[in-house]
């Protein structure tokens, strides 16, 4: 039996409109990413950058110091 290009497999990344669980999981994943993960990563990135500058200034001295 030959498969045609018009048939989609169960492994495809597209959300199947006949499967409400897939849409629910996609919505849950989107909300998790936008509400928790991205803000947490943003805070972590800015905090680590500030910490790196603070450590650098402890070693090298404040800006403009002779």
PDB file of N, CA and C in Angstrom:
ATOM      1  N   UNK A   1       0.842  -1.168   0.000  1.00  0.00           N
ATOM      2  CA  UNK A   1       0.000   0.000   0.000  1.00  0.00           C
ATOM      3  C   UNK A   1       0.895   1.241   0.000  1.00  0.00           C
ATOM      4  N   UNK A   2       0.627   2.149  -0.929  1.00  0.00           N
ATOM      5  CA  UNK A   2       1.446   3.359  -1.045  1.00  0.00           C
ATOM      6  C   UNK A   2       0.809   4.496  -0.271  1.00  0.00           C
ATOM      7  N   UNK A   3       1.652   5.284   0.352  1.00  0.00           N
ATOM      8  CA  UNK A   3       1.169   6.466   1.054  1.00  0.00           C
ATOM      9  C   UNK A   3       1.239   7.667   0.129  1.00  0.00           C
ATOM     10  N   UNK A   4       0.247   8.482   0.197  1.00  0.00           N
ATOM     11  CA  UNK A   4       0.246   9.688  -0.624  1.00  0.00           C
ATOM     12  C   UNK A   4       0.631  10.876   0.235  1.00  0.00           C
ATOM     13  N   UNK A   5       1.003  11.946  -0.425  1.00  0.00           N
ATOM     14  CA  UNK A   5       1.437  13.143   0.280  1.00  0.00           C
ATOM     15  C   UNK A   5       0.282  13.843   0.980  1.00  0.00           C
ATOM     16  N   UNK A   6      -0.944  13.571   0.572  1.00  0.00           N
ATOM     17  CA  UNK A   6      -2.086  14.262   1.156  1.00  0.00           C
ATOM     18  C   UNK A   6      -2.437  13.731   2.542  1.00  0.00           C
ATOM     19  N   UNK A   7      -2.023  12.514   2.849  1.00  0.00           N
ATOM     20  CA  UNK A   7      -2.297  11.947   4.166  1.00  0.00           C
ATOM     21  C   UNK A   7      -1.228  12.411   5.148  1.00  0.00           C
ATOM     22  N   UNK A   8      -1.667  12.753   6.334  1.00  0.00           N
ATOM     23  CA  UNK A   8      -0.709  13.162   7.352  1.00  0.00           C
ATOM     24  C   UNK A   8      -0.520  12.038   8.345  1.00  0.00           C
ATOM     25  N   UNK A   9       0.668  11.924   8.871  1.00  0.00           N
ATOM     26  CA  UNK A   9       0.938  10.883   9.849  1.00  0.00           C
ATOM     27  C   UNK A   9       0.596  11.387  11.249  1.00  0.00           C
ATOM     28  N   UNK A  10       0.533  10.473  12.186  1.00  0.00           N
ATOM     29  CA  UNK A  10       0.235  10.844  13.570  1.00  0.00           C
ATOM     30  C   UNK A  10       1.408  11.571  14.218  1.00  0.00           C
ATOM     31  N   UNK A  11       2.568  11.486  13.630  1.00  0.00           N
ATOM     32  CA  UNK A  11       3.751  12.113  14.187  1.00  0.00           C
ATOM     33  C   UNK A  11       3.951  13.551  13.724  1.00  0.00           C
ATOM     34  N   UNK A  12       3.099  14.050  12.877  1.00  0.00           N
ATOM     35  CA  UNK A  12       3.299  15.399  12.353  1.00  0.00           C
ATOM     36  C   UNK A  12       3.144  16.421  13.473  1.00  0.00           C
ATOM     37  N   UNK A  13       3.802  17.552  13.341  1.00  0.00           N
ATOM     38  CA  UNK A  13       3.758  18.584  14.355  1.00  0.00           C
ATOM     39  C   UNK A  13       2.493  19.417  14.314  1.00  0.00           C
ATOM     40  N   UNK A  14       1.716  19.308  13.265  1.00  0.00           N
ATOM     41  CA  UNK A  14       0.493  20.104  13.144  1.00  0.00           C
ATOM     42  C   UNK A  14      -0.556  19.591  14.116  1.00  0.00           C
ATOM     43  N   UNK A  15      -1.339  20.513  14.646  1.00  0.00           N
ATOM     44  CA  UNK A  15      -2.406  20.142  15.563  1.00  0.00           C
ATOM     45  C   UNK A  15      -3.587  19.630  14.759  1.00  0.00           C
ATOM     46  N   UNK A  16      -4.049  18.462  15.111  1.00  0.00           N
ATOM     47  CA  UNK A  16      -5.179  17.861  14.420  1.00  0.00           C
ATOM     48  C   UNK A  16      -6.461  18.478  14.961  1.00  0.00           C
ATOM     49  N   UNK A  17      -7.304  19.001  14.082  1.00  0.00           N
ATOM     50  CA  UNK A  17      -8.529  19.655  14.520  1.00  0.00           C
ATOM     51  C   UNK A  17      -9.528  18.666  15.106  1.00  0.00           C
ATOM     52  N   UNK A  18      -9.340  17.390  14.849  1.00  0.00           N
ATOM     53  CA  UNK A  18     -10.253  16.381  15.387  1.00  0.00           C
ATOM     54  C   UNK A  18      -9.860  15.961  16.798  1.00  0.00           C
ATOM     55  N   UNK A  19      -8.719  16.389  17.283  1.00  0.00           N
ATOM     56  CA  UNK A  19      -8.229  15.985  18.589  1.00  0.00           C
ATOM     57  C   UNK A  19      -8.238  17.181  19.539  1.00  0.00           C
ATOM     58  N   UNK A  20      -9.246  17.300  20.390  1.00  0.00           N
ATOM     59  CA  UNK A  20      -9.300  18.459  21.296  1.00  0.00           C
ATOM     60  C   UNK A  20      -8.206  18.426  22.360  1.00  0.00           C
ATOM     61  N   UNK A  21      -7.688  17.248  22.693  1.00  0.00           N
ATOM     62  CA  UNK A  21      -6.607  17.174  23.676  1.00  0.00           C
ATOM     63  C   UNK A  21      -5.341  17.837  23.163  1.00  0.00           C
ATOM     64  N   UNK A  22      -5.087  17.726  21.874  1.00  0.00           N
ATOM     65  CA  UNK A  22      -3.893  18.345  21.303  1.00  0.00           C
ATOM     66  C   UNK A  22      -3.987  19.866  21.385  1.00  0.00           C
ATOM     67  N   UNK A  23      -5.158  20.412  21.112  1.00  0.00           N
ATOM     68  CA  UNK A  23      -5.321  21.863  21.213  1.00  0.00           C
ATOM     69  C   UNK A  23      -5.190  22.326  22.656  1.00  0.00           C
ATOM     70  N   UNK A  24      -5.727  21.546  23.576  1.00  0.00           N
ATOM     71  CA  UNK A  24      -5.636  21.885  24.993  1.00  0.00           C
ATOM     72  C   UNK A  24      -4.187  21.861  25.464  1.00  0.00           C
ATOM     73  N   UNK A  25      -3.432  20.851  25.032  1.00  0.00           N
ATOM     74  CA  UNK A  25      -2.015  20.770  25.407  1.00  0.00           C
ATOM     75  C   UNK A  25      -1.223  21.913  24.791  1.00  0.00           C
ATOM     76  N   UNK A  26      -1.557  22.269  23.553  1.00  0.00           N
ATOM     77  CA  UNK A  26      -0.849  23.377  22.909  1.00  0.00           C
ATOM     78  C   UNK A  26      -1.128  24.688  23.634  1.00  0.00           C
ATOM     79  N   UNK A  27      -2.366  24.914  24.025  1.00  0.00           N
ATOM     80  CA  UNK A  27      -2.713  26.115  24.771  1.00  0.00           C
ATOM     81  C   UNK A  27      -2.014  26.133  26.126  1.00  0.00           C
ATOM     82  N   UNK A  28      -1.981  24.999  26.798  1.00  0.00           N
ATOM     83  CA  UNK A  28      -1.303  24.913  28.092  1.00  0.00           C
ATOM     84  C   UNK A  28       0.192  25.196  27.946  1.00  0.00           C
ATOM     85  N   UNK A  29       0.800  24.650  26.916  1.00  0.00           N
ATOM     86  CA  UNK A  29       2.224  24.880  26.685  1.00  0.00           C
ATOM     87  C   UNK A  29       2.490  26.345  26.371  1.00  0.00           C
ATOM     88  N   UNK A  30       1.632  26.952  25.564  1.00  0.00           N
ATOM     89  CA  UNK A  30       1.792  28.369  25.236  1.00  0.00           C
ATOM     90  C   UNK A  30       1.677  29.232  26.484  1.00  0.00           C
ATOM     91  N   UNK A  31       0.676  28.962  27.306  1.00  0.00           N
ATOM     92  CA  UNK A  31       0.500  29.747  28.533  1.00  0.00           C
ATOM     93  C   UNK A  31       1.671  29.549  29.487  1.00  0.00           C
ATOM     94  N   UNK A  32       2.169  28.325  29.602  1.00  0.00           N
ATOM     95  CA  UNK A  32       3.327  28.068  30.460  1.00  0.00           C
ATOM     96  C   UNK A  32       4.541  28.854  29.975  1.00  0.00           C
ATOM     97  N   UNK A  33       4.754  28.843  28.661  1.00  0.00           N
ATOM     98  CA  UNK A  33       5.899  29.572  28.117  1.00  0.00           C
ATOM     99  C   UNK A  33       5.769  31.077  28.334  1.00  0.00           C
ATOM    100  N   UNK A  34       4.604  31.633  28.062  1.00  0.00           N
ATOM    101  CA  UNK A  34       4.444  33.082  28.118  1.00  0.00           C
ATOM    102  C   UNK A  34       4.288  33.615  29.534  1.00  0.00           C
ATOM    103  N   UNK A  35       3.729  32.829  30.446  1.00  0.00           N
ATOM    104  CA  UNK A  35       3.477  33.320  31.797  1.00  0.00           C
ATOM    105  C   UNK A  35       4.623  32.993  32.748  1.00  0.00           C
ATOM    106  N   UNK A  36       5.253  31.839  32.594  1.00  0.00           N
ATOM    107  CA  UNK A  36       6.265  31.424  33.553  1.00  0.00           C
ATOM    108  C   UNK A  36       7.680  31.379  32.993  1.00  0.00           C
ATOM    109  N   UNK A  37       7.880  30.660  31.914  1.00  0.00           N
ATOM    110  CA  UNK A  37       9.240  30.377  31.456  1.00  0.00           C
ATOM    111  C   UNK A  37       9.963  31.607  30.918  1.00  0.00           C
ATOM    112  N   UNK A  38       9.353  32.360  30.023  1.00  0.00           N
ATOM    113  CA  UNK A  38      10.028  33.524  29.434  1.00  0.00           C
ATOM    114  C   UNK A  38      10.319  34.595  30.488  1.00  0.00           C
ATOM    115  N   UNK A  39       9.362  34.949  31.359  1.00  0.00           N
ATOM    116  CA  UNK A  39       9.707  35.927  32.403  1.00  0.00           C
ATOM    117  C   UNK A  39      10.796  35.425  33.347  1.00  0.00           C
ATOM    118  N   UNK A  40      10.759  34.150  33.714  1.00  0.00           N
ATOM    119  CA  UNK A  40      11.786  33.608  34.605  1.00  0.00           C
ATOM    120  C   UNK A  40      13.161  33.648  33.943  1.00  0.00           C
ATOM    121  N   UNK A  41      13.223  33.292  32.668  1.00  0.00           N
ATOM    122  CA  UNK A  41      14.507  33.346  31.962  1.00  0.00           C
ATOM    123  C   UNK A  41      14.996  34.784  31.798  1.00  0.00           C
ATOM    124  N   UNK A  42      14.082  35.713  31.584  1.00  0.00           N
ATOM    125  CA  UNK A  42      14.463  37.125  31.457  1.00  0.00           C
ATOM    126  C   UNK A  42      15.047  37.647  32.767  1.00  0.00           C
ATOM    127  N   UNK A  43      14.399  37.342  33.872  1.00  0.00           N
ATOM    128  CA  UNK A  43      14.908  37.774  35.178  1.00  0.00           C
ATOM    129  C   UNK A  43      16.259  37.132  35.457  1.00  0.00           C
ATOM    130  N   UNK A  44      16.395  35.865  35.146  1.00  0.00           N
ATOM    131  CA  UNK A  44      17.659  35.169  35.370  1.00  0.00           C
ATOM    132  C   UNK A  44      18.775  35.763  34.514  1.00  0.00           C
ATOM    133  N   UNK A  45      18.476  36.101  33.277  1.00  0.00           N
ATOM    134  CA  UNK A  45      19.489  36.668  32.390  1.00  0.00           C
ATOM    135  C   UNK A  45      19.944  38.049  32.872  1.00  0.00           C
ATOM    136  N   UNK A  46      18.999  38.905  33.206  1.00  0.00           N
ATOM    137  CA  UNK A  46      19.344  40.252  33.677  1.00  0.00           C
ATOM    138  C   UNK A  46      20.068  40.176  35.011  1.00  0.00           C
ATOM    139  N   UNK A  47      19.644  39.297  35.895  1.00  0.00           N
ATOM    140  CA  UNK A  47      20.295  39.150  37.194  1.00  0.00           C
ATOM    141  C   UNK A  47      21.719  38.645  37.053  1.00  0.00           C
ATOM    142  N   UNK A  48      21.929  37.668  36.181  1.00  0.00           N
ATOM    143  CA  UNK A  48      23.284  37.141  36.000  1.00  0.00           C
ATOM    144  C   UNK A  48      24.200  38.184  35.360  1.00  0.00           C
ATOM    145  N   UNK A  49      23.660  39.001  34.470  1.00  0.00           N
ATOM    146  CA  UNK A  49      24.469  40.069  33.877  1.00  0.00           C
ATOM    147  C   UNK A  49      24.856  41.096  34.942  1.00  0.00           C
ATOM    148  N   UNK A  50      23.906  41.483  35.783  1.00  0.00           N
ATOM    149  CA  UNK A  50      24.206  42.416  36.866  1.00  0.00           C
ATOM    150  C   UNK A  50      25.206  41.838  37.846  1.00  0.00           C
ATOM    151  N   UNK A  51      25.084  40.559  38.146  1.00  0.00           N
ATOM    152  CA  UNK A  51      26.033  39.906  39.050  1.00  0.00           C
ATOM    153  C   UNK A  51      27.435  39.889  38.445  1.00  0.00           C
ATOM    154  N   UNK A  52      27.522  39.624  37.149  1.00  0.00           N
ATOM    155  CA  UNK A  52      28.830  39.614  36.483  1.00  0.00           C
ATOM    156  C   UNK A  52      29.470  40.997  36.519  1.00  0.00           C
ATOM    157  N   UNK A  53      28.691  42.040  36.310  1.00  0.00           N
ATOM    158  CA  UNK A  53      29.228  43.403  36.384  1.00  0.00           C
ATOM    159  C   UNK A  53      29.669  43.721  37.806  1.00  0.00           C
ATOM    160  N   UNK A  54      28.897  43.323  38.792  1.00  0.00           N
ATOM    161  CA  UNK A  54      29.236  43.570  40.195  1.00  0.00           C
ATOM    162  C   UNK A  54      30.561  42.893  40.559  1.00  0.00           C
ATOM    163  N   UNK A  55      30.732  41.635  40.151  1.00  0.00           N
ATOM    164  CA  UNK A  55      31.979  40.915  40.430  1.00  0.00           C
ATOM    165  C   UNK A  55      33.140  41.585  39.704  1.00  0.00           C
ATOM    166  N   UNK A  56      32.919  42.004  38.465  1.00  0.00           N
ATOM    167  CA  UNK A  56      33.979  42.685  37.720  1.00  0.00           C
ATOM    168  C   UNK A  56      34.404  43.969  38.431  1.00  0.00           C
ATOM    169  N   UNK A  57      33.448  44.722  38.957  1.00  0.00           N
ATOM    170  CA  UNK A  57      33.779  45.969  39.639  1.00  0.00           C
ATOM    171  C   UNK A  57      34.459  45.713  40.975  1.00  0.00           C
ATOM    172  N   UNK A  58      34.193  44.599  41.611  1.00  0.00           N
ATOM    173  CA  UNK A  58      34.925  44.249  42.835  1.00  0.00           C
ATOM    174  C   UNK A  58      36.394  44.009  42.503  1.00  0.00           C
ATOM    175  N   UNK A  59      36.644  43.367  41.381  1.00  0.00           N
ATOM    176  CA  UNK A  59      38.030  43.034  40.978  1.00  0.00           C
ATOM    177  C   UNK A  59      38.730  44.250  40.385  1.00  0.00           C
ATOM    178  N   UNK A  60      38.099  44.960  39.461  1.00  0.00           N
ATOM    179  CA  UNK A  60      38.747  46.028  38.706  1.00  0.00           C
ATOM    180  C   UNK A  60      38.527  47.407  39.323  1.00  0.00           C
ATOM    181  N   UNK A  61      37.643  47.541  40.260  1.00  0.00           N
ATOM    182  CA  UNK A  61      37.348  48.849  40.850  1.00  0.00           C
ATOM    183  C   UNK A  61      36.185  49.522  40.134  1.00  0.00           C
ATOM    184  N   UNK A  62      35.655  50.566  40.738  1.00  0.00           N
ATOM    185  CA  UNK A  62      34.512  51.235  40.131  1.00  0.00           C
ATOM    186  C   UNK A  62      34.912  51.939  38.829  1.00  0.00           C
ATOM    187  N   UNK A  63      33.932  52.249  37.976  1.00  0.00           N
ATOM    188  CA  UNK A  63      34.248  52.949  36.739  1.00  0.00           C
ATOM    189  C   UNK A  63      34.824  54.332  37.025  1.00  0.00           C
ATOM    190  N   UNK A  64      35.859  54.706  36.293  1.00  0.00           N
ATOM    191  CA  UNK A  64      36.480  56.014  36.453  1.00  0.00           C
ATOM    192  C   UNK A  64      37.503  56.074  37.563  1.00  0.00           C
ATOM    193  N   UNK A  65      37.724  54.999  38.255  1.00  0.00           N
ATOM    194  CA  UNK A  65      38.718  55.005  39.336  1.00  0.00           C
ATOM    195  C   UNK A  65      40.116  54.895  38.730  1.00  0.00           C
ATOM    196  N   UNK A  66      41.049  55.644  39.270  1.00  0.00           N
ATOM    197  CA  UNK A  66      42.422  55.586  38.724  1.00  0.00           C
ATOM    198  C   UNK A  66      43.143  54.312  39.015  1.00  0.00           C
TER     199      UNK A  66
END
